[in-house]
Amino acid sequence: MREKIISILTELRPEFDFNEPLNFIEEGMLDSFDVINLVTALDSEFGISIDGTDVLPDNFSSVENIEALLRKNGVKA
């Protein structure tokens, strides 16, 4: 799952290294438009529907937080 998330993030913003343990939102690696595109890509890739109430900056601030959100939505590791 981690590799696929990093691949999607890299497609969205190829200028950044998403393997780094940084807060993607605070570091400016992802903005609100990127988060919406990421939600769409994750929904499509993993066959889920992320609820609007889960579209919070903290849920998209790291690969680990994105993994946790996907698991919450029923995606198996």
PDB file of N, CA and C in Angstrom:
ATOM      1  N   MET A   1       0.828  -1.185   0.000  1.00  0.00           N
ATOM      2  CA  MET A   1       0.000   0.000   0.000  1.00  0.00           C
ATOM      3  C   MET A   1       0.879   1.257   0.000  1.00  0.00           C
ATOM      4  N   ARG A   2       1.932   1.240   0.810  1.00  0.00           N
ATOM      5  CA  ARG A   2       2.806   2.409   0.926  1.00  0.00           C
ATOM      6  C   ARG A   2       3.387   2.814  -0.434  1.00  0.00           C
ATOM      7  N   GLU A   3       3.872   1.827  -1.181  1.00  0.00           N
ATOM      8  CA  GLU A   3       4.484   2.120  -2.473  1.00  0.00           C
ATOM      9  C   GLU A   3       3.481   2.753  -3.433  1.00  0.00           C
ATOM     10  N   LYS A   4       2.246   2.256  -3.410  1.00  0.00           N
ATOM     11  CA  LYS A   4       1.223   2.803  -4.301  1.00  0.00           C
ATOM     12  C   LYS A   4       0.881   4.236  -3.907  1.00  0.00           C
ATOM     13  N   ILE A   5       0.800   4.511  -2.612  1.00  0.00           N
ATOM     14  CA  ILE A   5       0.524   5.876  -2.144  1.00  0.00           C
ATOM     15  C   ILE A   5       1.632   6.817  -2.605  1.00  0.00           C
ATOM     16  N   ILE A   6       2.877   6.393  -2.428  1.00  0.00           N
ATOM     17  CA  ILE A   6       4.002   7.235  -2.846  1.00  0.00           C
ATOM     18  C   ILE A   6       3.976   7.450  -4.349  1.00  0.00           C
ATOM     19  N   SER A   7       3.625   6.427  -5.101  1.00  0.00           N
ATOM     20  CA  SER A   7       3.520   6.550  -6.554  1.00  0.00           C
ATOM     21  C   SER A   7       2.459   7.581  -6.946  1.00  0.00           C
ATOM     22  N   ILE A   8       1.306   7.532  -6.301  1.00  0.00           N
ATOM     23  CA  ILE A   8       0.231   8.490  -6.591  1.00  0.00           C
ATOM     24  C   ILE A   8       0.675   9.904  -6.226  1.00  0.00           C
ATOM     25  N   LEU A   9       1.286  10.058  -5.052  1.00  0.00           N
ATOM     26  CA  LEU A   9       1.769  11.375  -4.631  1.00  0.00           C
ATOM     27  C   LEU A   9       2.799  11.919  -5.613  1.00  0.00           C
ATOM     28  N   THR A  10       3.692  11.059  -6.071  1.00  0.00           N
ATOM     29  CA  THR A  10       4.735  11.475  -7.004  1.00  0.00           C
ATOM     30  C   THR A  10       4.145  11.875  -8.348  1.00  0.00           C
ATOM     31  N   GLU A  11       3.085  11.199  -8.777  1.00  0.00           N
ATOM     32  CA  GLU A  11       2.407  11.597 -10.013  1.00  0.00           C
ATOM     33  C   GLU A  11       1.801  12.988  -9.871  1.00  0.00           C
ATOM     34  N   LEU A  12       1.250  13.274  -8.693  1.00  0.00           N
ATOM     35  CA  LEU A  12       0.644  14.588  -8.452  1.00  0.00           C
ATOM     36  C   LEU A  12       1.687  15.695  -8.365  1.00  0.00           C
ATOM     37  N   ARG A  13       2.775  15.427  -7.654  1.00  0.00           N
ATOM     38  CA  ARG A  13       3.804  16.445  -7.401  1.00  0.00           C
ATOM     39  C   ARG A  13       5.194  15.825  -7.563  1.00  0.00           C
ATOM     40  N   PRO A  14       5.635  15.623  -8.811  1.00  0.00           N
ATOM     41  CA  PRO A  14       6.901  14.926  -9.048  1.00  0.00           C
ATOM     42  C   PRO A  14       8.139  15.659  -8.519  1.00  0.00           C
ATOM     43  N   GLU A  15       7.994  16.924  -8.196  1.00  0.00           N
ATOM     44  CA  GLU A  15       9.154  17.689  -7.732  1.00  0.00           C
ATOM     45  C   GLU A  15       9.529  17.399  -6.272  1.00  0.00           C
ATOM     46  N   PHE A  16       8.711  16.626  -5.564  1.00  0.00           N
ATOM     47  CA  PHE A  16       8.968  16.337  -4.158  1.00  0.00           C
ATOM     48  C   PHE A  16       9.273  14.857  -3.930  1.00  0.00           C
ATOM     49  N   ASP A  17      10.040  14.586  -2.865  1.00  0.00           N
ATOM     50  CA  ASP A  17      10.341  13.216  -2.453  1.00  0.00           C
ATOM     51  C   ASP A  17       9.425  12.856  -1.288  1.00  0.00           C
ATOM     52  N   PHE A  18       8.417  12.068  -1.562  1.00  0.00           N
ATOM     53  CA  PHE A  18       7.435  11.708  -0.547  1.00  0.00           C
ATOM     54  C   PHE A  18       7.899  10.562   0.350  1.00  0.00           C
ATOM     55  N   ASN A  19       9.128  10.104   0.158  1.00  0.00           N
ATOM     56  CA  ASN A  19       9.715   9.128   1.070  1.00  0.00           C
ATOM     57  C   ASN A  19      10.254   9.800   2.327  1.00  0.00           C
ATOM     58  N   GLU A  20      10.411  11.114   2.272  1.00  0.00           N
ATOM     59  CA  GLU A  20      10.936  11.868   3.413  1.00  0.00           C
ATOM     60  C   GLU A  20       9.898  11.936   4.530  1.00  0.00           C
ATOM     61  N   PRO A  21      10.339  11.846   5.778  1.00  0.00           N
ATOM     62  CA  PRO A  21       9.393  11.910   6.909  1.00  0.00           C
ATOM     63  C   PRO A  21       9.030  13.356   7.261  1.00  0.00           C
ATOM     64  N   LEU A  22       8.351  14.017   6.354  1.00  0.00           N
ATOM     65  CA  LEU A  22       7.948  15.410   6.540  1.00  0.00           C
ATOM     66  C   LEU A  22       6.436  15.505   6.614  1.00  0.00           C
ATOM     67  N   ASN A  23       5.942  16.628   7.133  1.00  0.00           N
ATOM     68  CA  ASN A  23       4.513  16.906   7.092  1.00  0.00           C
ATOM     69  C   ASN A  23       4.233  17.535   5.732  1.00  0.00           C
ATOM     70  N   PHE A  24       3.575  16.787   4.858  1.00  0.00           N
ATOM     71  CA  PHE A  24       3.372  17.227   3.478  1.00  0.00           C
ATOM     72  C   PHE A  24       2.596  18.539   3.380  1.00  0.00           C
ATOM     73  N   ILE A  25       1.678  18.773   4.292  1.00  0.00           N
ATOM     74  CA  ILE A  25       0.869  19.989   4.267  1.00  0.00           C
ATOM     75  C   ILE A  25       1.697  21.171   4.765  1.00  0.00           C
ATOM     76  N   GLU A  26       2.300  21.026   5.940  1.00  0.00           N
ATOM     77  CA  GLU A  26       3.087  22.117   6.526  1.00  0.00           C
ATOM     78  C   GLU A  26       4.275  22.503   5.659  1.00  0.00           C
ATOM     79  N   GLU A  27       4.863  21.541   4.978  1.00  0.00           N
ATOM     80  CA  GLU A  27       6.028  21.806   4.129  1.00  0.00           C
ATOM     81  C   GLU A  27       5.631  22.363   2.758  1.00  0.00           C
ATOM     82  N   GLY A  28       4.338  22.463   2.485  1.00  0.00           N
ATOM     83  CA  GLY A  28       3.884  22.997   1.201  1.00  0.00           C
ATOM     84  C   GLY A  28       3.999  22.013   0.052  1.00  0.00           C
ATOM     85  N   MET A  29       4.166  20.748   0.373  1.00  0.00           N
ATOM     86  CA  MET A  29       4.272  19.730  -0.667  1.00  0.00           C
ATOM     87  C   MET A  29       2.908  19.427  -1.279  1.00  0.00           C
ATOM     88  N   LEU A  30       1.847  19.581  -0.491  1.00  0.00           N
ATOM     89  CA  LEU A  30       0.476  19.393  -0.964  1.00  0.00           C
ATOM     90  C   LEU A  30      -0.356  20.593  -0.538  1.00  0.00           C
ATOM     91  N   ASP A  31      -1.157  21.100  -1.468  1.00  0.00           N
ATOM     92  CA  ASP A  31      -2.113  22.144  -1.118  1.00  0.00           C
ATOM     93  C   ASP A  31      -3.521  21.554  -1.194  1.00  0.00           C
ATOM     94  N   SER A  32      -4.524  22.371  -0.959  1.00  0.00           N
ATOM     95  CA  SER A  32      -5.899  21.856  -0.910  1.00  0.00           C
ATOM     96  C   SER A  32      -6.325  21.242  -2.245  1.00  0.00           C
ATOM     97  N   PHE A  33      -5.898  21.828  -3.344  1.00  0.00           N
ATOM     98  CA  PHE A  33      -6.228  21.276  -4.658  1.00  0.00           C
ATOM     99  C   PHE A  33      -5.589  19.896  -4.829  1.00  0.00           C
ATOM    100  N   ASP A  34      -4.334  19.771  -4.389  1.00  0.00           N
ATOM    101  CA  ASP A  34      -3.648  18.472  -4.457  1.00  0.00           C
ATOM    102  C   ASP A  34      -4.373  17.424  -3.621  1.00  0.00           C
ATOM    103  N   VAL A  35      -4.856  17.825  -2.444  1.00  0.00           N
ATOM    104  CA  VAL A  35      -5.563  16.879  -1.569  1.00  0.00           C
ATOM    105  C   VAL A  35      -6.820  16.357  -2.257  1.00  0.00           C
ATOM    106  N   ILE A  36      -7.562  17.238  -2.911  1.00  0.00           N
ATOM    107  CA  ILE A  36      -8.771  16.806  -3.628  1.00  0.00           C
ATOM    108  C   ILE A  36      -8.398  15.830  -4.744  1.00  0.00           C
ATOM    109  N   ASN A  37      -7.349  16.145  -5.493  1.00  0.00           N
ATOM    110  CA  ASN A  37      -6.895  15.228  -6.545  1.00  0.00           C
ATOM    111  C   ASN A  37      -6.410  13.905  -5.959  1.00  0.00           C
ATOM    112  N   LEU A  38      -5.763  13.971  -4.809  1.00  0.00           N
ATOM    113  CA  LEU A  38      -5.294  12.760  -4.140  1.00  0.00           C
ATOM    114  C   LEU A  38      -6.467  11.895  -3.692  1.00  0.00           C
ATOM    115  N   VAL A  39      -7.489  12.512  -3.130  1.00  0.00           N
ATOM    116  CA  VAL A  39      -8.687  11.770  -2.714  1.00  0.00           C
ATOM    117  C   VAL A  39      -9.288  11.042  -3.910  1.00  0.00           C
ATOM    118  N   THR A  40      -9.405  11.733  -5.030  1.00  0.00           N
ATOM    119  CA  THR A  40      -9.957  11.131  -6.241  1.00  0.00           C
ATOM    120  C   THR A  40      -9.104   9.946  -6.698  1.00  0.00           C
ATOM    121  N   ALA A  41      -7.786  10.125  -6.687  1.00  0.00           N
ATOM    122  CA  ALA A  41      -6.884   9.052  -7.113  1.00  0.00           C
ATOM    123  C   ALA A  41      -6.940   7.861  -6.160  1.00  0.00           C
ATOM    124  N   LEU A  42      -6.987   8.127  -4.857  1.00  0.00           N
ATOM    125  CA  LEU A  42      -7.064   7.039  -3.876  1.00  0.00           C
ATOM    126  C   LEU A  42      -8.384   6.286  -3.998  1.00  0.00           C
ATOM    127  N   ASP A  43      -9.476   7.028  -4.160  1.00  0.00           N
ATOM    128  CA  ASP A  43     -10.783   6.393  -4.348  1.00  0.00           C
ATOM    129  C   ASP A  43     -10.748   5.443  -5.539  1.00  0.00           C
ATOM    130  N   SER A  44     -10.191   5.921  -6.638  1.00  0.00           N
ATOM    131  CA  SER A  44     -10.135   5.126  -7.858  1.00  0.00           C
ATOM    132  C   SER A  44      -9.199   3.925  -7.711  1.00  0.00           C
ATOM    133  N   GLU A  45      -8.021   4.153  -7.194  1.00  0.00           N
ATOM    134  CA  GLU A  45      -7.012   3.094  -7.079  1.00  0.00           C
ATOM    135  C   GLU A  45      -7.425   1.986  -6.121  1.00  0.00           C
ATOM    136  N   PHE A  46      -8.032   2.361  -4.999  1.00  0.00           N
ATOM    137  CA  PHE A  46      -8.337   1.385  -3.961  1.00  0.00           C
ATOM    138  C   PHE A  46      -9.814   0.996  -3.916  1.00  0.00           C
ATOM    139  N   GLY A  47     -10.628   1.537  -4.824  1.00  0.00           N
ATOM    140  CA  GLY A  47     -12.037   1.158  -4.898  1.00  0.00           C
ATOM    141  C   GLY A  47     -12.837   1.545  -3.672  1.00  0.00           C
ATOM    142  N   ILE A  48     -12.547   2.715  -3.134  1.00  0.00           N
ATOM    143  CA  ILE A  48     -13.240   3.189  -1.938  1.00  0.00           C
ATOM    144  C   ILE A  48     -13.858   4.552  -2.209  1.00  0.00           C
ATOM    145  N   SER A  49     -14.534   5.082  -1.216  1.00  0.00           N
ATOM    146  CA  SER A  49     -15.065   6.440  -1.286  1.00  0.00           C
ATOM    147  C   SER A  49     -14.752   7.126   0.037  1.00  0.00           C
ATOM    148  N   ILE A  50     -13.744   7.993   0.012  1.00  0.00           N
ATOM    149  CA  ILE A  50     -13.356   8.719   1.220  1.00  0.00           C
ATOM    150  C   ILE A  50     -14.412   9.772   1.504  1.00  0.00           C
ATOM    151  N   ASP A  51     -14.962   9.722   2.702  1.00  0.00           N
ATOM    152  CA  ASP A  51     -16.014  10.644   3.120  1.00  0.00           C
ATOM    153  C   ASP A  51     -15.458  12.058   3.254  1.00  0.00           C
ATOM    154  N   GLY A  52     -16.282  13.032   2.915  1.00  0.00           N
ATOM    155  CA  GLY A  52     -15.878  14.428   3.020  1.00  0.00           C
ATOM    156  C   GLY A  52     -15.428  14.827   4.409  1.00  0.00           C
ATOM    157  N   THR A  53     -15.998  14.189   5.428  1.00  0.00           N
ATOM    158  CA  THR A  53     -15.602  14.514   6.801  1.00  0.00           C
ATOM    159  C   THR A  53     -14.187  14.036   7.119  1.00  0.00           C
ATOM    160  N   ASP A  54     -13.638  13.165   6.275  1.00  0.00           N
ATOM    161  CA  ASP A  54     -12.269  12.678   6.461  1.00  0.00           C
ATOM    162  C   ASP A  54     -11.238  13.489   5.680  1.00  0.00           C
ATOM    163  N   VAL A  55     -11.710  14.456   4.900  1.00  0.00           N
ATOM    164  CA  VAL A  55     -10.790  15.272   4.112  1.00  0.00           C
ATOM    165  C   VAL A  55     -10.281  16.411   5.003  1.00  0.00           C
ATOM    166  N   LEU A  56      -9.359  16.026   5.881  1.00  0.00           N
ATOM    167  CA  LEU A  56      -8.746  16.938   6.842  1.00  0.00           C
ATOM    168  C   LEU A  56      -7.239  16.942   6.610  1.00  0.00           C
ATOM    169  N   PRO A  57      -6.585  18.078   6.794  1.00  0.00           N
ATOM    170  CA  PRO A  57      -5.138  18.138   6.543  1.00  0.00           C
ATOM    171  C   PRO A  57      -4.343  17.045   7.251  1.00  0.00           C
ATOM    172  N   ASP A  58      -4.666  16.749   8.496  1.00  0.00           N
ATOM    173  CA  ASP A  58      -3.911  15.728   9.235  1.00  0.00           C
ATOM    174  C   ASP A  58      -3.959  14.360   8.568  1.00  0.00           C
ATOM    175  N   ASN A  59      -5.057  14.037   7.909  1.00  0.00           N
ATOM    176  CA  ASN A  59      -5.185  12.727   7.258  1.00  0.00           C
ATOM    177  C   ASN A  59      -4.290  12.583   6.032  1.00  0.00           C
ATOM    178  N   PHE A  60      -3.770  13.710   5.524  1.00  0.00           N
ATOM    179  CA  PHE A  60      -2.963  13.689   4.305  1.00  0.00           C
ATOM    180  C   PHE A  60      -1.569  14.269   4.529  1.00  0.00           C
ATOM    181  N   SER A  61      -1.158  14.360   5.790  1.00  0.00           N
ATOM    182  CA  SER A  61       0.113  15.005   6.113  1.00  0.00           C
ATOM    183  C   SER A  61       1.320  14.074   6.015  1.00  0.00           C
ATOM    184  N   SER A  62       1.077  12.771   5.901  1.00  0.00           N
ATOM    185  CA  SER A  62       2.180  11.806   5.781  1.00  0.00           C
ATOM    186  C   SER A  62       1.659  10.528   5.133  1.00  0.00           C
ATOM    187  N   VAL A  63       2.579   9.722   4.647  1.00  0.00           N
ATOM    188  CA  VAL A  63       2.192   8.432   4.071  1.00  0.00           C
ATOM    189  C   VAL A  63       1.507   7.581   5.135  1.00  0.00           C
ATOM    190  N   GLU A  64       2.024   7.618   6.358  1.00  0.00           N
ATOM    191  CA  GLU A  64       1.443   6.825   7.439  1.00  0.00           C
ATOM    192  C   GLU A  64       0.000   7.243   7.729  1.00  0.00           C
ATOM    193  N   ASN A  65      -0.265   8.540   7.717  1.00  0.00           N
ATOM    194  CA  ASN A  65      -1.630   9.008   7.968  1.00  0.00           C
ATOM    195  C   ASN A  65      -2.565   8.640   6.820  1.00  0.00           C
ATOM    196  N   ILE A  66      -2.053   8.679   5.598  1.00  0.00           N
ATOM    197  CA  ILE A  66      -2.863   8.267   4.446  1.00  0.00           C
ATOM    198  C   ILE A  66      -3.158   6.770   4.542  1.00  0.00           C
ATOM    199  N   GLU A  67      -2.156   5.973   4.930  1.00  0.00           N
ATOM    200  CA  GLU A  67      -2.373   4.535   5.129  1.00  0.00           C
ATOM    201  C   GLU A  67      -3.450   4.291   6.183  1.00  0.00           C
ATOM    202  N   ALA A  68      -3.399   5.022   7.272  1.00  0.00           N
ATOM    203  CA  ALA A  68      -4.397   4.867   8.341  1.00  0.00           C
ATOM    204  C   ALA A  68      -5.791   5.213   7.830  1.00  0.00           C
ATOM    205  N   LEU A  69      -5.890   6.251   7.027  1.00  0.00           N
ATOM    206  CA  LEU A  69      -7.181   6.636   6.453  1.00  0.00           C
ATOM    207  C   LEU A  69      -7.707   5.538   5.530  1.00  0.00           C
ATOM    208  N   LEU A  70      -6.829   4.967   4.727  1.00  0.00           N
ATOM    209  CA  LEU A  70      -7.247   3.889   3.827  1.00  0.00           C
ATOM    210  C   LEU A  70      -7.704   2.663   4.616  1.00  0.00           C
ATOM    211  N   ARG A  71      -6.964   2.314   5.668  1.00  0.00           N
ATOM    212  CA  ARG A  71      -7.379   1.180   6.506  1.00  0.00           C
ATOM    213  C   ARG A  71      -8.738   1.457   7.145  1.00  0.00           C
ATOM    214  N   LYS A  72      -8.960   2.683   7.588  1.00  0.00           N
ATOM    215  CA  LYS A  72     -10.253   3.071   8.166  1.00  0.00           C
ATOM    216  C   LYS A  72     -11.384   2.861   7.158  1.00  0.00           C
ATOM    217  N   ASN A  73     -11.043   3.013   5.874  1.00  0.00           N
ATOM    218  CA  ASN A  73     -12.030   2.846   4.810  1.00  0.00           C
ATOM    219  C   ASN A  73     -12.050   1.431   4.243  1.00  0.00           C
ATOM    220  N   GLY A  74     -11.424   0.489   4.956  1.00  0.00           N
ATOM    221  CA  GLY A  74     -11.535  -0.917   4.589  1.00  0.00           C
ATOM    222  C   GLY A  74     -10.460  -1.472   3.689  1.00  0.00           C
ATOM    223  N   VAL A  75      -9.438  -0.680   3.373  1.00  0.00           N
ATOM    224  CA  VAL A  75      -8.358  -1.172   2.525  1.00  0.00           C
ATOM    225  C   VAL A  75      -7.415  -2.013   3.377  1.00  0.00           C
ATOM    226  N   LYS A  76      -7.103  -3.200   2.886  1.00  0.00           N
ATOM    227  CA  LYS A  76      -6.179  -4.097   3.583  1.00  0.00           C
ATOM    228  C   LYS A  76      -4.746  -3.771   3.184  1.00  0.00           C
ATOM    229  N   ALA A  77      -3.837  -3.883   4.127  1.00  0.00           N
ATOM    230  CA  ALA A  77      -2.418  -3.578   3.874  1.00  0.00           C
ATOM    231  C   ALA A  77      -1.799  -4.556   2.909  1.00  0.00           C
TER     232      ALA A  77
END
